[in-house]
Amino acid sequence: MNIGLRYSGFQQIGPYTAFERDEDGNKLDSTYWGKGVPVRAYGWPEPRLIVRYALNDNNSIKASVTRNNQFIHPVTNSGSSLPTDIWVPSTYLVKPQIAWQYSAGYFRNFADNDYEASVEAYYKRMQNQVEYREGYTPSISDPEEDFVFGKGWAYGAELFLKKNNGKFTGWLGYTLAWTWRKFPDLNDGDKFPAKYDRRHDLGCDRYVRPQ
């Protein structure tokens, strides 16, 4: 069993202006922070737990749970092919993304450890996801004015095979995955696939030992 704990933090400093709005989005008032003035601080612990149980010399099962905080966010527009993707930091308005990930798998070595194989499933729950509002088009205004916030989740399974010894070595992996988002202000509040959702992912690599 491996247990870990760390603490991560992020500090926003001015200049920055936050607006107070009515139900229709009209600006009512504003608060301004000058250059170098602290605006908002974020910080949370990031625990992690990994458990491995050896059934015998060649077979084992593993499980893990981790929490991660992300303070820099890629913001995408799922409904447009325009090059509008940007990276934004956490601010007074844009909260840090928080994710809990759970995984469990079965691992086996065989043929005197010449080969190793595994099958592993995972589930990831995400909060404070960021995307552009519906109907967004690029403008000169502050991008934060066009952000909406919601949640997301991802799950799937991976099959992995690796050859460790011999003239030819390498690995082959296949992942079946789903990645979903749900925003009150997008798609009538119904869930939708994230922009980077990939149902099938096949990867491989090989190495030929010199004579």
Protein backbone atom coordinates (compact mmCIF):
# COMPACT_ATOMS: atom_id res chain seq x y z
CA MET A 1 0.00 0.00 0.00
CA ASN A 2 1.28 3.44 -0.97
CA ILE A 3 -0.32 6.51 0.60
CA GLY A 4 0.54 10.06 -0.41
CA LEU A 5 -0.58 13.56 0.45
CA ARG A 6 0.44 16.92 -0.92
CA TYR A 7 -1.00 20.41 -0.90
CA SER A 8 -1.22 22.64 -3.95
CA GLY A 9 -2.16 26.29 -4.04
CA PHE A 10 -2.66 29.15 -6.47
CA GLN A 11 -2.79 32.92 -5.97
CA GLN A 12 -4.38 35.43 -8.35
CA ILE A 13 -3.07 38.97 -8.17
CA GLY A 14 -4.24 42.20 -9.82
CA PRO A 15 -4.90 44.07 -11.89
CA TYR A 16 -8.38 42.54 -12.14
CA THR A 17 -11.98 43.74 -12.31
CA ALA A 18 -14.99 41.67 -11.16
CA PHE A 19 -18.50 42.69 -12.19
CA GLU A 20 -21.76 42.23 -10.32
CA ARG A 21 -24.65 41.43 -12.68
CA ASP A 22 -28.42 41.09 -12.57
CA GLU A 23 -30.40 38.03 -13.73
CA ASP A 24 -30.21 39.21 -17.34
CA GLY A 25 -26.44 39.61 -17.25
CA ASN A 26 -26.41 43.39 -17.15
CA LYS A 27 -23.56 44.99 -15.20
CA LEU A 28 -24.65 46.60 -11.94
CA ASP A 29 -21.39 47.26 -10.11
CA SER A 30 -17.71 46.37 -10.19
CA THR A 31 -14.78 45.71 -7.86
CA TYR A 32 -11.23 46.55 -8.94
CA TRP A 33 -7.93 45.16 -7.63
CA GLY A 34 -4.80 47.10 -8.55
CA LYS A 35 -1.48 45.77 -9.82
CA GLY A 36 0.12 43.31 -7.39
CA VAL A 37 -2.91 43.26 -5.05
CA PRO A 38 -4.04 39.73 -4.01
CA VAL A 39 -7.44 38.91 -5.52
CA ARG A 40 -8.26 35.29 -4.74
CA ALA A 41 -6.28 32.37 -3.27
CA TYR A 42 -7.10 28.71 -3.82
CA GLY A 43 -5.60 25.65 -2.19
CA TRP A 44 -6.57 22.07 -1.38
CA PRO A 45 -4.92 18.81 -0.34
CA GLU A 46 -4.32 16.14 -2.98
CA PRO A 47 -4.50 12.68 -1.35
CA ARG A 48 -3.71 9.48 -3.21
CA LEU A 49 -3.90 5.80 -2.33
CA ILE A 50 -2.54 2.84 -4.31
CA VAL A 51 -3.12 -0.75 -3.18
CA ARG A 52 -1.52 -3.84 -4.76
CA TYR A 53 -2.27 -7.44 -3.81
CA ALA A 54 -0.05 -10.22 -5.19
CA LEU A 55 -2.04 -13.39 -5.87
CA ASN A 56 1.21 -15.23 -6.63
CA ASP A 57 4.55 -14.51 -8.31
CA ASN A 58 2.94 -13.75 -11.68
CA ASN A 59 -0.52 -12.36 -10.91
CA SER A 60 -1.65 -9.29 -9.02
CA ILE A 61 -4.54 -6.88 -8.68
CA LYS A 62 -4.22 -3.13 -8.13
CA ALA A 63 -6.56 -0.32 -7.18
CA SER A 64 -6.04 3.40 -6.72
CA VAL A 65 -7.84 6.64 -5.89
CA THR A 66 -6.38 10.11 -6.40
CA ARG A 67 -7.52 13.72 -6.19
CA ASN A 68 -6.01 16.44 -8.39
CA ASN A 69 -6.48 20.21 -8.58
CA GLN A 70 -5.89 22.09 -11.82
CA PHE A 71 -5.36 25.84 -11.78
CA ILE A 72 -4.69 26.41 -15.51
CA HIS A 73 -7.54 25.44 -17.82
CA PRO A 74 -7.91 24.71 -21.55
CA VAL A 75 -11.17 26.34 -22.68
CA THR A 76 -12.72 24.80 -25.80
CA ASN A 77 -15.76 25.38 -27.96
CA SER A 78 -17.40 22.01 -28.62
CA GLY A 79 -19.87 23.46 -31.12
CA SER A 80 -17.41 25.27 -33.38
CA SER A 81 -14.44 24.42 -35.56
CA LEU A 82 -12.98 27.90 -35.12
CA PRO A 83 -9.49 28.07 -33.52
CA THR A 84 -10.83 29.54 -30.26
CA ASP A 85 -9.15 27.19 -27.76
CA ILE A 86 -7.18 29.09 -25.13
CA TRP A 87 -5.52 28.48 -21.75
CA VAL A 88 -6.73 30.58 -18.81
CA PRO A 89 -5.67 30.69 -15.15
CA SER A 90 -7.98 30.40 -12.18
CA THR A 91 -9.44 33.77 -11.24
CA TYR A 92 -12.10 35.33 -9.05
CA LEU A 93 -14.65 33.99 -11.54
CA VAL A 94 -12.94 30.86 -12.93
CA LYS A 95 -12.69 28.28 -10.15
CA PRO A 96 -9.97 25.59 -10.15
CA GLN A 97 -10.92 22.26 -11.66
CA ILE A 98 -11.12 19.38 -9.18
CA ALA A 99 -10.94 15.71 -10.19
CA TRP A 100 -11.27 12.41 -8.35
CA GLN A 101 -10.02 9.36 -10.27
CA TYR A 102 -10.60 5.71 -9.36
CA SER A 103 -9.01 2.73 -11.10
CA ALA A 104 -8.70 -1.03 -10.66
CA GLY A 105 -6.92 -3.65 -12.72
CA TYR A 106 -5.55 -7.14 -13.11
CA PHE A 107 -1.87 -7.62 -14.05
CA ARG A 108 -0.07 -10.79 -15.15
CA ASN A 109 3.49 -11.72 -16.13
CA PHE A 110 4.08 -14.94 -18.06
CA ALA A 111 6.68 -16.88 -20.06
CA ASP A 112 9.38 -16.22 -17.44
CA ASN A 113 8.50 -12.51 -17.43
CA ASP A 114 9.11 -12.20 -21.18
CA TYR A 115 5.57 -10.88 -21.47
CA GLU A 116 3.32 -8.80 -19.27
CA ALA A 117 -0.36 -8.06 -19.76
CA SER A 118 -3.01 -6.09 -17.95
CA VAL A 119 -6.63 -5.01 -18.08
CA GLU A 120 -7.57 -1.88 -16.14
CA ALA A 121 -10.79 0.12 -15.71
CA TYR A 122 -11.08 3.72 -14.52
CA TYR A 123 -13.65 6.36 -13.60
CA LYS A 124 -12.93 10.09 -13.27
CA ARG A 125 -15.28 12.74 -11.85
CA MET A 126 -14.52 16.41 -12.61
CA GLN A 127 -15.91 19.66 -11.19
CA ASN A 128 -15.66 23.30 -12.35
CA GLN A 129 -15.24 22.50 -16.03
CA VAL A 130 -15.01 25.53 -18.34
CA GLU A 131 -16.35 26.07 -21.86
CA TYR A 132 -17.59 28.92 -24.02
CA ARG A 133 -21.26 29.89 -23.86
CA GLU A 134 -23.63 28.68 -26.57
CA GLY A 135 -23.38 30.71 -29.77
CA TYR A 136 -20.00 32.20 -28.80
CA THR A 137 -18.04 34.03 -31.49
CA PRO A 138 -14.57 35.57 -30.95
CA SER A 139 -14.58 39.23 -29.91
CA ILE A 140 -12.32 41.80 -28.28
CA SER A 141 -14.12 41.52 -24.94
CA ASP A 142 -12.70 39.76 -21.89
CA PRO A 143 -12.98 35.99 -22.60
CA GLU A 144 -14.29 35.43 -19.05
CA GLU A 145 -17.48 37.21 -20.11
CA ASP A 146 -18.22 34.26 -22.44
CA PHE A 147 -17.40 31.33 -20.12
CA VAL A 148 -19.92 28.88 -18.66
CA PHE A 149 -19.21 26.29 -15.99
CA GLY A 150 -20.28 22.71 -15.39
CA LYS A 151 -19.10 19.22 -14.54
CA GLY A 152 -17.66 16.24 -16.36
CA TRP A 153 -16.86 12.59 -16.02
CA ALA A 154 -14.85 10.00 -17.93
CA TYR A 155 -14.63 6.23 -17.76
CA GLY A 156 -13.29 3.32 -19.73
CA ALA A 157 -10.95 0.34 -19.82
CA GLU A 158 -7.48 -0.34 -21.19
CA LEU A 159 -5.94 -3.57 -22.47
CA PHE A 160 -2.14 -3.65 -22.51
CA LEU A 161 0.42 -6.22 -23.71
CA LYS A 162 4.20 -5.82 -23.55
CA LYS A 163 7.10 -8.01 -24.73
CA ASN A 164 10.21 -7.45 -22.61
CA ASN A 165 12.86 -9.82 -24.01
CA GLY A 166 14.03 -11.22 -27.32
CA LYS A 167 15.10 -9.75 -30.65
CA PHE A 168 11.78 -7.92 -30.96
CA THR A 169 10.35 -6.03 -28.00
CA GLY A 170 7.54 -3.53 -27.71
CA TRP A 171 4.01 -2.98 -26.54
CA LEU A 172 0.43 -2.86 -27.78
CA GLY A 173 -2.40 -1.03 -26.03
CA TYR A 174 -6.10 -0.48 -26.69
CA THR A 175 -8.40 1.87 -24.76
CA LEU A 176 -12.19 2.05 -24.88
CA ALA A 177 -13.26 5.35 -23.30
CA TRP A 178 -16.10 7.83 -22.82
CA THR A 179 -15.74 11.49 -21.80
CA TRP A 180 -18.86 13.52 -20.99
CA ARG A 181 -19.67 17.09 -19.99
CA LYS A 182 -22.84 18.58 -18.48
CA PHE A 183 -23.45 22.34 -18.28
CA PRO A 184 -26.69 24.03 -17.19
CA ASP A 185 -26.16 26.66 -19.94
CA LEU A 186 -25.26 24.30 -22.81
CA ASN A 187 -27.26 21.73 -24.79
CA ASP A 188 -30.43 22.41 -22.76
CA GLY A 189 -28.66 21.09 -19.68
CA ASP A 190 -28.25 17.59 -21.17
CA LYS A 191 -24.92 15.78 -21.17
CA PHE A 192 -22.78 15.81 -24.32
CA PRO A 193 -19.43 14.30 -25.41
CA ALA A 194 -16.40 16.44 -24.63
CA LYS A 195 -14.48 17.84 -27.58
CA TYR A 196 -11.60 15.45 -26.94
CA ASP A 197 -13.78 12.36 -26.45
CA ARG A 198 -12.19 9.38 -28.22
CA ARG A 199 -14.15 6.14 -28.16
CA HIS A 200 -11.32 3.91 -29.41
CA ASP A 201 -7.58 4.48 -29.04
CA LEU A 202 -5.01 1.97 -30.31
CA GLY A 203 -1.30 2.47 -29.72
CA CYS A 204 1.85 0.42 -30.23
CA ASP A 205 5.61 0.63 -30.31
CA ARG A 206 8.38 -1.85 -31.06
CA TYR A 207 12.14 -2.09 -30.80
CA VAL A 208 14.52 -4.33 -32.75
CA ARG A 209 17.71 -5.23 -30.91
CA PRO A 210 20.88 -4.83 -33.01
CA GLN A 211 22.74 -7.99 -33.95
